[in-house]
Amino acid sequence: MKAAVITSFGEPSVLQVAEAPRPVPGPGQALARVRAAGVNPAEIQARAGAFRLHAPAIIGFEFAGVVEQVGPGVDESLVGERIAGWPDSASQGSYAEYTVSSNFTTIPDGVSFEEAAATVIGADNAARALGLLNIRPGDTLVVTGASGALGSAAVQFARRRGVTVIGVAGTSNADFVQSLGAIPVAHGPGLVDRIRAAAPGGVDAALDTAGKGPLPALVEVLGGPERIVTLADRDAARYGVAFSAGHSGNRDSQPVREALDLIAAGAWTVRIGRSFPLAEAADAHRLVATGHTHGKVIILP
């Protein structure tokens, strides 16, 4: 099969298309023909050498595709189904024509492969973070990075749960954030004052999906770090804030399926910024690194 194979870690150019062995599904696994793979900041870190992966490696942490084969213990009727989920190995990922997975959900009719692949990590991480924050109807929640895949999923889940959302994003994304049902607030200097102006009754909790320095402002707004969670800032402990990373032990396909069903019903927005063929995976990484994607970046193997 063709895959973007990393033989040494470093700059985007290390993503080189090459032939790689097609994986074989083991017990509990499905082999999927990958039709779309989301591109995430964590994959940029992995490509650069984080996570101590061993070369050769195929990265890509979320996918949508079609089941071609199943391993022992998996219902044979799944063959031919459209699925979205997580590859089982961080080094046998979705930047490839095939991947294997034991954690996935089926894709409902009316949802494209690109939309499904763009939803997996965002919906799962957002739902987990809102649970950690113990979000309740009537709360007022600040979400930073509200126009991104993680942030927009958090906004939409929170709004559906009766929460008022202050969505922090760039001014060019204000209309999009407002379309999700949030009150848009521009990031940057003066953020504390702008949040307070948008929420004169106060703020109950905050979720950081941006990871570009807003934690001190969020701590100031809330008067402490207790009801703040970040999905993106690994320096969170400096501010007493909880950091929550997605990993194989906490991934949940249920909120992914909830979001996909809402997409099919026309009640959920997923924004695709740009799609790249597998041969241009390096360019996809370069675009994500700019932070100005205006939607999820997708690789089409």
Protein backbone atom coordinates (compact mmCIF):
# COMPACT_ATOMS: atom_id res chain seq x y z
CA MET A 1 0.00 0.00 0.00
CA LYS A 2 1.02 3.64 -0.35
CA ALA A 3 1.66 5.61 2.83
CA ALA A 4 3.42 8.74 4.04
CA VAL A 5 6.32 6.96 5.71
CA ILE A 6 8.63 8.73 8.15
CA THR A 7 12.12 7.20 8.19
CA SER A 8 13.61 10.03 10.26
CA PHE A 9 11.82 12.66 12.33
CA GLY A 10 12.05 16.37 11.62
CA GLU A 11 10.66 18.96 9.21
CA PRO A 12 7.53 18.35 7.08
CA SER A 13 9.69 17.08 4.21
CA VAL A 14 10.26 13.82 6.13
CA LEU A 15 6.71 12.83 5.10
CA GLN A 16 7.54 10.82 1.99
CA VAL A 17 5.13 8.59 0.09
CA ALA A 18 6.45 5.06 -0.18
CA GLU A 19 5.25 1.48 -0.35
CA ALA A 20 4.54 -0.06 3.05
CA PRO A 21 3.18 -3.42 4.17
CA ARG A 22 -0.59 -3.54 4.32
CA PRO A 23 -1.61 -4.16 7.95
CA VAL A 24 -3.49 -7.30 8.94
CA PRO A 25 -6.38 -7.03 11.40
CA GLY A 26 -5.89 -8.90 14.64
CA PRO A 27 -8.47 -9.94 17.24
CA GLY A 28 -11.11 -7.24 17.66
CA GLN A 29 -9.77 -5.16 14.79
CA ALA A 30 -11.12 -4.00 11.44
CA LEU A 31 -8.97 -3.25 8.42
CA ALA A 32 -10.21 -0.05 6.80
CA ARG A 33 -9.49 1.40 3.40
CA VAL A 34 -8.78 4.98 4.45
CA ARG A 35 -10.76 7.55 2.49
CA ALA A 36 -9.92 10.60 4.62
CA ALA A 37 -7.54 11.39 7.47
CA GLY A 38 -7.69 14.46 9.69
CA VAL A 39 -4.51 16.46 10.28
CA ASN A 40 -3.91 17.51 13.89
CA PRO A 41 -1.30 19.50 15.82
CA ALA A 42 -0.34 16.32 17.70
CA GLU A 43 0.71 14.76 14.40
CA ILE A 44 2.97 17.72 13.71
CA GLN A 45 4.60 17.07 17.08
CA ALA A 46 4.89 13.36 16.30
CA ARG A 47 6.49 14.07 12.93
CA ALA A 48 9.03 16.33 14.62
CA GLY A 49 10.03 13.59 17.06
CA ALA A 50 7.61 13.75 19.98
CA PHE A 51 5.99 10.68 21.55
CA ARG A 52 9.16 8.62 21.05
CA LEU A 53 7.84 6.82 18.00
CA HIS A 54 10.20 4.46 16.22
CA ALA A 55 10.99 4.83 12.52
CA PRO A 56 9.78 3.82 10.06
CA ALA A 57 6.45 5.24 11.19
CA ILE A 58 3.12 6.10 9.59
CA ILE A 59 1.33 8.78 11.60
CA GLY A 60 -2.27 9.95 11.44
CA PHE A 61 -4.50 9.74 14.51
CA GLU A 62 -8.03 9.79 13.07
CA PHE A 63 -9.63 8.41 9.92
CA ALA A 64 -12.77 7.65 7.97
CA GLY A 65 -12.99 4.79 5.53
CA VAL A 66 -14.55 1.49 4.51
CA VAL A 67 -14.08 -1.85 6.25
CA GLU A 68 -12.34 -4.33 3.95
CA GLN A 69 -11.54 -7.14 6.36
CA VAL A 70 -12.13 -8.02 10.01
CA GLY A 71 -10.10 -9.93 12.54
CA PRO A 72 -11.23 -12.66 14.94
CA GLY A 73 -14.11 -11.63 17.16
CA VAL A 74 -15.47 -8.97 14.81
CA ASP A 75 -18.81 -9.44 13.05
CA GLU A 76 -18.22 -10.24 9.37
CA SER A 77 -21.26 -8.14 8.46
CA LEU A 78 -19.13 -5.07 9.17
CA VAL A 79 -17.25 -5.60 5.90
CA GLY A 80 -18.31 -2.86 3.50
CA GLU A 81 -19.49 -0.50 6.24
CA ARG A 82 -18.29 3.09 6.39
CA ILE A 83 -16.53 3.78 9.70
CA ALA A 84 -14.68 6.58 11.47
CA GLY A 85 -12.33 6.25 14.42
CA TRP A 86 -8.76 5.96 15.62
CA PRO A 87 -5.96 3.74 14.29
CA ASP A 88 -4.82 1.32 16.98
CA SER A 89 -1.15 2.24 16.63
CA ALA A 90 0.46 5.68 16.69
CA SER A 91 3.01 4.46 14.15
CA GLN A 92 0.58 2.55 11.88
CA GLY A 93 -1.77 5.45 11.34
CA SER A 94 -4.13 6.95 8.82
CA TYR A 95 -1.71 8.69 6.40
CA ALA A 96 -1.97 5.51 4.37
CA GLU A 97 -4.27 3.60 2.10
CA TYR A 98 -5.13 1.17 4.93
CA THR A 99 -5.16 1.17 8.72
CA VAL A 100 -6.46 -1.11 11.48
CA SER A 101 -8.76 -0.04 14.28
CA SER A 102 -10.71 -1.50 17.16
CA ASN A 103 -12.25 1.81 18.26
CA PHE A 104 -14.64 3.28 15.72
CA THR A 105 -18.26 4.02 14.92
CA THR A 106 -20.22 3.63 11.72
CA ILE A 107 -20.83 6.72 9.57
CA PRO A 108 -24.50 7.53 8.93
CA ASP A 109 -25.84 8.27 5.48
CA GLY A 110 -25.51 11.89 4.47
CA VAL A 111 -22.09 12.37 6.09
CA SER A 112 -19.01 12.54 3.85
CA PHE A 113 -15.73 10.82 4.61
CA GLU A 114 -14.10 14.24 4.99
CA GLU A 115 -16.72 15.39 7.50
CA ALA A 116 -16.40 12.16 9.48
CA ALA A 117 -12.60 12.25 9.62
CA ALA A 118 -12.76 15.89 10.73
CA THR A 119 -15.05 15.02 13.64
CA VAL A 120 -13.40 12.10 15.47
CA ILE A 121 -10.78 13.78 17.66
CA GLY A 122 -12.70 17.04 18.05
CA ALA A 123 -15.94 15.46 19.27
CA ASP A 124 -14.22 13.00 21.60
CA ASN A 125 -11.89 15.52 23.22
CA ALA A 126 -14.57 18.18 23.54
CA ALA A 127 -17.03 15.83 25.20
CA ARG A 128 -14.39 14.56 27.62
CA ALA A 129 -13.36 18.10 28.58
CA LEU A 130 -16.94 19.22 29.19
CA GLY A 131 -17.39 16.20 31.43
CA LEU A 132 -14.26 17.10 33.41
CA LEU A 133 -15.62 20.63 33.82
CA ASN A 134 -18.95 19.26 35.07
CA ILE A 135 -20.80 21.57 32.72
CA ARG A 136 -24.46 22.05 33.66
CA PRO A 137 -27.43 23.74 31.93
CA GLY A 138 -27.40 27.44 32.69
CA ASP A 139 -23.61 27.67 33.04
CA THR A 140 -21.57 30.24 31.16
CA LEU A 141 -18.52 28.69 29.52
CA VAL A 142 -15.54 30.31 27.80
CA VAL A 143 -14.06 28.29 24.91
CA THR A 144 -10.77 29.47 23.40
CA GLY A 145 -9.97 28.41 19.85
CA ALA A 146 -13.71 28.34 19.29
CA SER A 147 -13.41 28.30 15.50
CA GLY A 148 -11.16 25.21 15.39
CA ALA A 149 -12.12 21.55 15.26
CA LEU A 150 -11.86 21.04 19.03
CA GLY A 151 -13.33 24.40 19.96
CA SER A 152 -16.25 24.29 17.57
CA ALA A 153 -17.17 20.81 18.79
CA ALA A 154 -17.08 22.05 22.39
CA VAL A 155 -19.25 25.04 21.52
CA GLN A 156 -21.84 22.86 19.81
CA PHE A 157 -21.98 20.22 22.54
CA ALA A 158 -22.23 22.90 25.22
CA ARG A 159 -24.97 24.83 23.41
CA ARG A 160 -27.00 21.64 23.02
CA ARG A 161 -26.73 21.20 26.79
CA GLY A 162 -28.21 24.61 27.55
CA VAL A 163 -24.92 26.41 28.20
CA THR A 164 -24.11 30.01 27.29
CA VAL A 165 -20.79 30.02 25.43
CA ILE A 166 -18.25 32.83 25.01
CA GLY A 167 -16.24 31.80 21.95
CA VAL A 168 -12.71 33.23 21.76
CA ALA A 169 -11.25 33.32 18.24
CA GLY A 170 -9.70 35.59 15.65
CA THR A 171 -11.84 38.44 14.37
CA SER A 172 -11.97 36.84 10.91
CA ASN A 173 -13.78 33.88 12.47
CA ALA A 174 -16.29 35.88 14.51
CA ASP A 175 -19.20 35.22 12.14
CA PHE A 176 -18.49 31.49 12.14
CA VAL A 177 -18.31 31.35 15.94
CA GLN A 178 -21.58 33.25 16.17
CA SER A 179 -23.19 30.83 13.71
CA LEU A 180 -22.43 28.02 16.16
CA GLY A 181 -24.46 29.79 18.83
CA ALA A 182 -21.59 31.36 20.80
CA ILE A 183 -20.90 34.98 21.67
CA PRO A 184 -17.72 35.80 19.72
CA VAL A 185 -14.84 37.51 21.52
CA ALA A 186 -11.49 38.37 19.91
CA HIS A 187 -8.34 36.84 21.34
CA GLY A 188 -5.24 38.86 22.17
CA PRO A 189 -4.40 41.65 24.64
CA GLY A 190 -7.42 42.84 26.63
CA LEU A 191 -9.07 39.41 26.59
CA VAL A 192 -10.07 39.57 30.26
CA ASP A 193 -12.00 42.80 29.77
CA ARG A 194 -13.70 41.54 26.62
CA ILE A 195 -14.83 38.32 28.30
CA ARG A 196 -16.20 40.25 31.28
CA ALA A 197 -18.05 42.60 28.96
CA ALA A 198 -19.58 39.65 27.10
CA ALA A 199 -20.55 37.87 30.34
CA PRO A 200 -21.57 40.55 32.85
CA GLY A 201 -23.10 37.86 35.07
CA GLY A 202 -19.77 36.09 35.37
CA VAL A 203 -18.21 32.93 33.96
CA ASP A 204 -18.57 29.45 35.47
CA ALA A 205 -15.93 27.48 33.56
CA ALA A 206 -13.40 27.69 30.73
CA LEU A 207 -12.03 25.30 28.16
CA ASP A 208 -8.80 26.10 26.34
CA THR A 209 -8.42 24.44 22.96
CA ALA A 210 -6.01 27.03 21.54
CA GLY A 211 -2.91 26.48 23.64
CA LYS A 212 -1.37 29.83 22.73
CA GLY A 213 -1.15 31.52 26.10
CA PRO A 214 -4.70 32.34 27.27
CA LEU A 215 -4.52 30.41 30.57
CA PRO A 216 -3.45 33.39 32.74
CA ALA A 217 -6.39 35.40 31.40
CA LEU A 218 -8.81 32.53 32.04
CA VAL A 219 -7.53 32.10 35.60
CA GLU A 220 -8.04 35.83 36.18
CA VAL A 221 -11.57 35.76 34.78
CA LEU A 222 -12.61 32.81 36.95
CA GLY A 223 -10.67 33.89 40.02
CA GLY A 224 -8.81 30.58 40.13
CA PRO A 225 -7.94 27.47 38.10
CA GLU A 226 -10.47 25.03 39.54
CA ARG A 227 -12.95 24.94 36.65
CA ILE A 228 -10.51 25.35 33.77
CA VAL A 229 -9.37 22.54 31.49
CA THR A 230 -6.93 22.81 28.60
CA LEU A 231 -6.65 20.36 25.74
CA ALA A 232 -3.69 22.16 24.20
CA ASP A 233 -1.30 23.72 26.75
CA ARG A 234 1.16 21.27 28.27
CA ASP A 235 2.43 24.00 30.61
CA ALA A 236 -0.95 23.99 32.36
CA ALA A 237 0.52 22.89 35.69
CA ARG A 238 2.30 26.25 35.98
CA TYR A 239 -1.12 27.83 36.43
CA GLY A 240 -2.74 25.02 38.43
CA VAL A 241 -4.90 24.14 35.42
CA ALA A 242 -5.85 20.59 34.44
CA PHE A 243 -4.46 19.32 31.13
CA SER A 244 -6.33 16.49 29.41
CA ALA A 245 -4.79 14.64 26.48
CA GLY A 246 -6.56 12.07 24.37
CA HIS A 247 -5.02 8.58 24.45
CA SER A 248 -5.97 4.96 23.87
CA GLY A 249 -7.36 4.64 27.40
CA ASN A 250 -9.89 7.48 27.26
CA ARG A 251 -11.17 7.59 23.68
CA ASP A 252 -14.93 7.27 23.38
CA SER A 253 -16.71 6.73 20.08
CA GLN A 254 -20.14 7.62 21.54
CA PRO A 255 -19.78 11.42 21.26
CA VAL A 256 -18.30 10.92 17.79
CA ARG A 257 -21.43 9.05 16.76
CA GLU A 258 -23.59 11.75 18.37
CA ALA A 259 -21.87 14.44 16.32
CA LEU A 260 -22.06 12.39 13.11
CA ASP A 261 -25.78 11.84 13.61
CA LEU A 262 -26.22 15.58 14.10
CA ILE A 263 -24.27 16.28 10.89
CA ALA A 264 -26.60 13.89 9.05
CA ALA A 265 -29.59 15.73 10.53
CA GLY A 266 -28.23 19.12 9.49
CA ALA A 267 -27.84 20.14 13.14
CA TRP A 268 -24.03 20.20 13.46
CA THR A 269 -21.43 22.20 11.58
CA VAL A 270 -18.07 20.78 10.58
CA ARG A 271 -15.84 23.12 8.62
CA ILE A 272 -13.29 21.73 6.17
CA GLY A 273 -10.45 24.13 5.41
CA ARG A 274 -8.57 22.28 2.70
CA SER A 275 -7.97 18.73 1.48
CA PHE A 276 -4.61 17.41 0.22
CA PRO A 277 -3.68 14.23 -1.64
CA LEU A 278 -1.38 11.86 0.25
CA ALA A 279 1.60 13.00 -1.84
CA GLU A 280 1.16 16.50 -0.40
CA ALA A 281 1.05 15.50 3.28
CA ALA A 282 4.05 17.75 3.96
CA ASP A 283 2.13 20.75 2.60
CA ALA A 284 -0.82 19.82 4.81
CA HIS A 285 1.48 19.94 7.84
CA ARG A 286 2.92 23.27 6.78
CA LEU A 287 -0.58 24.74 6.54
CA VAL A 288 -1.67 23.42 9.95
CA ALA A 289 1.50 24.83 11.49
CA THR A 290 0.48 28.34 10.42
CA GLY A 291 -2.58 28.19 12.63
CA HIS A 292 -4.66 29.80 9.88
CA THR A 293 -6.51 26.91 8.29
CA HIS A 294 -10.10 28.26 8.46
CA GLY A 295 -11.30 24.72 9.01
CA LYS A 296 -10.04 21.18 9.36
CA VAL A 297 -7.22 20.08 7.08
CA ILE A 298 -7.74 16.66 5.51
CA ILE A 299 -5.47 14.18 3.74
CA LEU A 300 -7.06 11.97 1.09
CA PRO A 301 -4.97 8.78 0.73
